[in-house]
Amino acid sequence: MTNEDVHPKYSPMLRTAFAGMFANISECMIMHPLDSIKTRFQLVQPGERFGLGVTLKEMWRSGGMSEVYRGVLPAVGMQGPRGVIKFVSN
């Protein structure tokens, strides 16, 4: 039984488009918290105490889990179509 027998109504290009969109959105959801932490590191003023633990504690106190994912929607909105274009054009 081939893959075409299981899903004959979906074209390979459509499956590739969805795979690209899912891959880029997944990458964005995984990497965005790390990018938020990196941005906080870059904003530290000279003489301030910083580190991964201190930064995470500060982010958690100021907004909880939503603080880590602040600004993720525009990034997801951009990465979804980008993944489709990137995967379909190859």
N, C-alpha and C. Protein backbone atom coordinates (compact mmCIF):
# COMPACT_ATOMS: atom_id res chain seq x y z
N MET A 1 0.84 -1.17 0.00
CA MET A 1 0.00 0.00 0.00
C MET A 1 0.89 1.24 0.00
N THR A 2 0.73 2.06 -0.99
CA THR A 2 1.55 3.27 -1.10
C THR A 2 0.85 4.44 -0.41
N ASN A 3 1.57 5.50 -0.28
CA ASN A 3 1.02 6.71 0.32
C ASN A 3 -0.11 7.28 -0.55
N GLU A 4 -0.01 7.10 -1.85
CA GLU A 4 -1.05 7.59 -2.76
C GLU A 4 -2.36 6.83 -2.55
N ASP A 5 -2.28 5.56 -2.14
CA ASP A 5 -3.49 4.79 -1.86
C ASP A 5 -4.19 5.29 -0.60
N VAL A 6 -3.41 5.74 0.35
CA VAL A 6 -3.97 6.20 1.62
C VAL A 6 -4.61 7.58 1.47
N HIS A 7 -3.94 8.51 0.81
CA HIS A 7 -4.44 9.87 0.64
C HIS A 7 -4.43 10.26 -0.85
N PRO A 8 -5.28 9.66 -1.65
CA PRO A 8 -5.23 9.96 -3.09
C PRO A 8 -5.73 11.36 -3.45
N LYS A 9 -6.53 11.99 -2.58
CA LYS A 9 -7.10 13.28 -2.96
C LYS A 9 -6.18 14.47 -2.72
N TYR A 10 -5.07 14.28 -2.01
CA TYR A 10 -4.14 15.37 -1.74
C TYR A 10 -2.95 15.29 -2.69
N SER A 11 -2.69 16.38 -3.38
CA SER A 11 -1.58 16.39 -4.31
C SER A 11 -0.25 16.46 -3.53
N PRO A 12 0.83 15.96 -4.13
CA PRO A 12 2.13 16.04 -3.46
C PRO A 12 2.55 17.48 -3.16
N MET A 13 2.17 18.41 -4.03
CA MET A 13 2.54 19.80 -3.80
C MET A 13 1.80 20.36 -2.58
N LEU A 14 0.54 19.99 -2.41
CA LEU A 14 -0.23 20.46 -1.26
C LEU A 14 0.33 19.87 0.03
N ARG A 15 0.70 18.60 -0.01
CA ARG A 15 1.30 17.98 1.18
C ARG A 15 2.64 18.63 1.52
N THR A 16 3.42 18.95 0.50
CA THR A 16 4.70 19.62 0.72
C THR A 16 4.48 21.02 1.30
N ALA A 17 3.45 21.71 0.82
CA ALA A 17 3.14 23.05 1.33
C ALA A 17 2.78 22.99 2.81
N PHE A 18 1.92 22.05 3.18
CA PHE A 18 1.55 21.92 4.59
C PHE A 18 2.73 21.49 5.45
N ALA A 19 3.58 20.62 4.92
CA ALA A 19 4.77 20.20 5.67
C ALA A 19 5.69 21.39 5.92
N GLY A 20 5.88 22.23 4.91
CA GLY A 20 6.73 23.41 5.07
C GLY A 20 6.15 24.39 6.07
N MET A 21 4.84 24.60 5.99
CA MET A 21 4.20 25.51 6.93
C MET A 21 4.32 24.98 8.36
N PHE A 22 4.04 23.70 8.55
CA PHE A 22 4.12 23.10 9.88
C PHE A 22 5.55 23.13 10.42
N ALA A 23 6.52 22.87 9.57
CA ALA A 23 7.93 22.87 10.00
C ALA A 23 8.35 24.25 10.46
N ASN A 24 8.03 25.28 9.70
CA ASN A 24 8.46 26.63 10.07
C ASN A 24 7.73 27.15 11.31
N ILE A 25 6.44 26.83 11.43
CA ILE A 25 5.70 27.27 12.61
C ILE A 25 6.21 26.55 13.85
N SER A 26 6.51 25.26 13.73
CA SER A 26 7.06 24.50 14.86
C SER A 26 8.39 25.07 15.30
N GLU A 27 9.24 25.37 14.34
CA GLU A 27 10.55 25.95 14.65
C GLU A 27 10.38 27.29 15.35
N CYS A 28 9.44 28.08 14.91
CA CYS A 28 9.21 29.39 15.50
C CYS A 28 8.71 29.25 16.94
N MET A 29 7.82 28.32 17.20
CA MET A 29 7.28 28.12 18.55
C MET A 29 8.34 27.58 19.51
N ILE A 30 9.28 26.82 19.00
CA ILE A 30 10.33 26.27 19.85
C ILE A 30 11.42 27.31 20.11
N MET A 31 11.80 28.05 19.10
CA MET A 31 12.94 28.96 19.22
C MET A 31 12.58 30.35 19.76
N HIS A 32 11.32 30.74 19.70
CA HIS A 32 10.94 32.09 20.14
C HIS A 32 11.28 32.36 21.60
N PRO A 33 11.03 31.43 22.54
CA PRO A 33 11.43 31.72 23.93
C PRO A 33 12.94 31.97 24.07
N LEU A 34 13.74 31.20 23.33
CA LEU A 34 15.19 31.41 23.40
C LEU A 34 15.57 32.77 22.81
N ASP A 35 14.88 33.18 21.77
CA ASP A 35 15.15 34.49 21.18
C ASP A 35 14.73 35.61 22.13
N SER A 36 13.64 35.40 22.87
CA SER A 36 13.22 36.40 23.86
C SER A 36 14.26 36.55 24.96
N ILE A 37 14.82 35.44 25.41
CA ILE A 37 15.86 35.48 26.44
C ILE A 37 17.11 36.18 25.90
N LYS A 38 17.47 35.87 24.67
CA LYS A 38 18.64 36.51 24.05
C LYS A 38 18.45 38.03 23.97
N THR A 39 17.25 38.46 23.62
CA THR A 39 16.95 39.88 23.54
C THR A 39 17.09 40.54 24.91
N ARG A 40 16.62 39.85 25.94
CA ARG A 40 16.77 40.39 27.30
C ARG A 40 18.24 40.52 27.67
N PHE A 41 19.05 39.54 27.28
CA PHE A 41 20.49 39.62 27.55
C PHE A 41 21.10 40.84 26.88
N GLN A 42 20.65 41.15 25.67
CA GLN A 42 21.21 42.28 24.93
C GLN A 42 20.80 43.62 25.52
N LEU A 43 19.71 43.64 26.28
CA LEU A 43 19.21 44.88 26.86
C LEU A 43 19.79 45.18 28.24
N VAL A 44 20.62 44.30 28.77
CA VAL A 44 21.18 44.49 30.10
C VAL A 44 22.14 45.68 30.08
N GLN A 45 21.97 46.54 31.06
CA GLN A 45 22.84 47.71 31.21
C GLN A 45 24.13 47.30 31.93
N PRO A 46 25.22 47.99 31.67
CA PRO A 46 26.48 47.67 32.36
C PRO A 46 26.31 47.76 33.88
N GLY A 47 26.82 46.76 34.56
CA GLY A 47 26.74 46.72 36.01
C GLY A 47 25.55 45.97 36.55
N GLU A 48 24.54 45.69 35.71
CA GLU A 48 23.38 44.92 36.16
C GLU A 48 23.75 43.45 36.24
N ARG A 49 23.10 42.76 37.14
CA ARG A 49 23.31 41.33 37.28
C ARG A 49 22.42 40.61 36.27
N PHE A 50 22.98 39.66 35.52
CA PHE A 50 22.17 38.92 34.58
C PHE A 50 22.72 37.51 34.44
N GLY A 51 21.90 36.67 33.92
CA GLY A 51 22.21 35.27 33.69
C GLY A 51 20.92 34.58 33.30
N LEU A 52 21.01 33.35 32.93
CA LEU A 52 19.81 32.63 32.47
C LEU A 52 18.78 32.53 33.58
N GLY A 53 19.20 32.15 34.77
CA GLY A 53 18.27 32.01 35.88
C GLY A 53 17.62 33.32 36.27
N VAL A 54 18.42 34.37 36.35
CA VAL A 54 17.91 35.69 36.72
C VAL A 54 16.93 36.19 35.67
N THR A 55 17.28 36.01 34.41
CA THR A 55 16.42 36.48 33.32
C THR A 55 15.10 35.73 33.30
N LEU A 56 15.15 34.40 33.45
CA LEU A 56 13.91 33.61 33.46
C LEU A 56 13.03 33.98 34.65
N LYS A 57 13.65 34.19 35.81
CA LYS A 57 12.89 34.58 37.00
C LYS A 57 12.20 35.93 36.79
N GLU A 58 12.94 36.87 36.21
CA GLU A 58 12.39 38.20 35.94
C GLU A 58 11.23 38.12 34.93
N MET A 59 11.41 37.33 33.89
CA MET A 59 10.35 37.18 32.89
C MET A 59 9.12 36.52 33.50
N TRP A 60 9.32 35.53 34.34
CA TRP A 60 8.20 34.82 34.97
C TRP A 60 7.44 35.76 35.90
N ARG A 61 8.16 36.58 36.66
CA ARG A 61 7.51 37.52 37.58
C ARG A 61 6.73 38.59 36.84
N SER A 62 7.25 39.04 35.72
CA SER A 62 6.59 40.15 35.01
C SER A 62 5.41 39.72 34.16
N GLY A 63 5.31 38.43 33.80
CA GLY A 63 4.16 38.06 32.97
C GLY A 63 3.90 36.58 32.85
N GLY A 64 4.67 35.77 33.52
CA GLY A 64 4.46 34.33 33.44
C GLY A 64 4.87 33.77 32.08
N MET A 65 4.20 32.71 31.70
CA MET A 65 4.54 32.04 30.45
C MET A 65 4.25 32.93 29.23
N SER A 66 3.27 33.80 29.36
CA SER A 66 2.95 34.68 28.22
C SER A 66 4.08 35.66 27.92
N GLU A 67 4.89 35.96 28.92
CA GLU A 67 6.03 36.87 28.71
C GLU A 67 7.07 36.24 27.79
N VAL A 68 7.23 34.93 27.90
CA VAL A 68 8.21 34.22 27.08
C VAL A 68 7.76 34.19 25.61
N TYR A 69 6.45 34.10 25.39
CA TYR A 69 5.92 34.04 24.02
C TYR A 69 5.38 35.37 23.52
N ARG A 70 5.72 36.46 24.17
CA ARG A 70 5.25 37.78 23.71
C ARG A 70 5.82 38.06 22.33
N GLY A 71 4.96 38.43 21.40
CA GLY A 71 5.39 38.76 20.05
C GLY A 71 5.51 37.57 19.12
N VAL A 72 4.99 36.41 19.52
CA VAL A 72 5.14 35.22 18.68
C VAL A 72 4.15 35.22 17.51
N LEU A 73 3.00 35.85 17.65
CA LEU A 73 2.00 35.80 16.57
C LEU A 73 2.47 36.44 15.26
N PRO A 74 3.09 37.62 15.28
CA PRO A 74 3.60 38.14 14.02
C PRO A 74 4.68 37.24 13.40
N ALA A 75 5.49 36.64 14.25
CA ALA A 75 6.54 35.74 13.74
C ALA A 75 5.92 34.50 13.10
N VAL A 76 4.90 33.94 13.73
CA VAL A 76 4.22 32.77 13.17
C VAL A 76 3.51 33.14 11.87
N GLY A 77 2.89 34.32 11.86
CA GLY A 77 2.21 34.77 10.65
C GLY A 77 3.16 34.97 9.48
N MET A 78 4.40 35.26 9.78
CA MET A 78 5.40 35.43 8.72
C MET A 78 6.03 34.10 8.33
N GLN A 79 6.27 33.22 9.31
CA GLN A 79 6.98 31.97 9.04
C GLN A 79 6.12 30.94 8.33
N GLY A 80 4.80 30.94 8.54
CA GLY A 80 3.93 29.98 7.87
C GLY A 80 4.02 30.09 6.35
N PRO A 81 3.70 31.26 5.79
CA PRO A 81 3.81 31.42 4.34
C PRO A 81 5.24 31.25 3.82
N ARG A 82 6.20 31.66 4.62
CA ARG A 82 7.61 31.51 4.21
C ARG A 82 7.96 30.02 4.05
N GLY A 83 7.47 29.19 4.96
CA GLY A 83 7.72 27.75 4.87
C GLY A 83 7.07 27.14 3.64
N VAL A 84 5.87 27.60 3.33
CA VAL A 84 5.17 27.09 2.14
C VAL A 84 5.98 27.42 0.90
N ILE A 85 6.41 28.66 0.77
CA ILE A 85 7.16 29.09 -0.41
C ILE A 85 8.49 28.35 -0.50
N LYS A 86 9.17 28.21 0.63
CA LYS A 86 10.48 27.57 0.64
C LYS A 86 10.39 26.08 0.26
N PHE A 87 9.41 25.38 0.81
CA PHE A 87 9.31 23.94 0.55
C PHE A 87 8.74 23.64 -0.83
N VAL A 88 7.78 24.44 -1.30
CA VAL A 88 7.17 24.17 -2.61
C VAL A 88 8.12 24.54 -3.74
N SER A 89 8.95 25.55 -3.53
CA SER A 89 9.84 25.98 -4.62
C SER A 89 11.03 25.05 -4.83
N ASN A 90 11.33 24.18 -3.88
CA ASN A 90 12.47 23.25 -4.04
C ASN A 90 12.10 22.07 -4.89
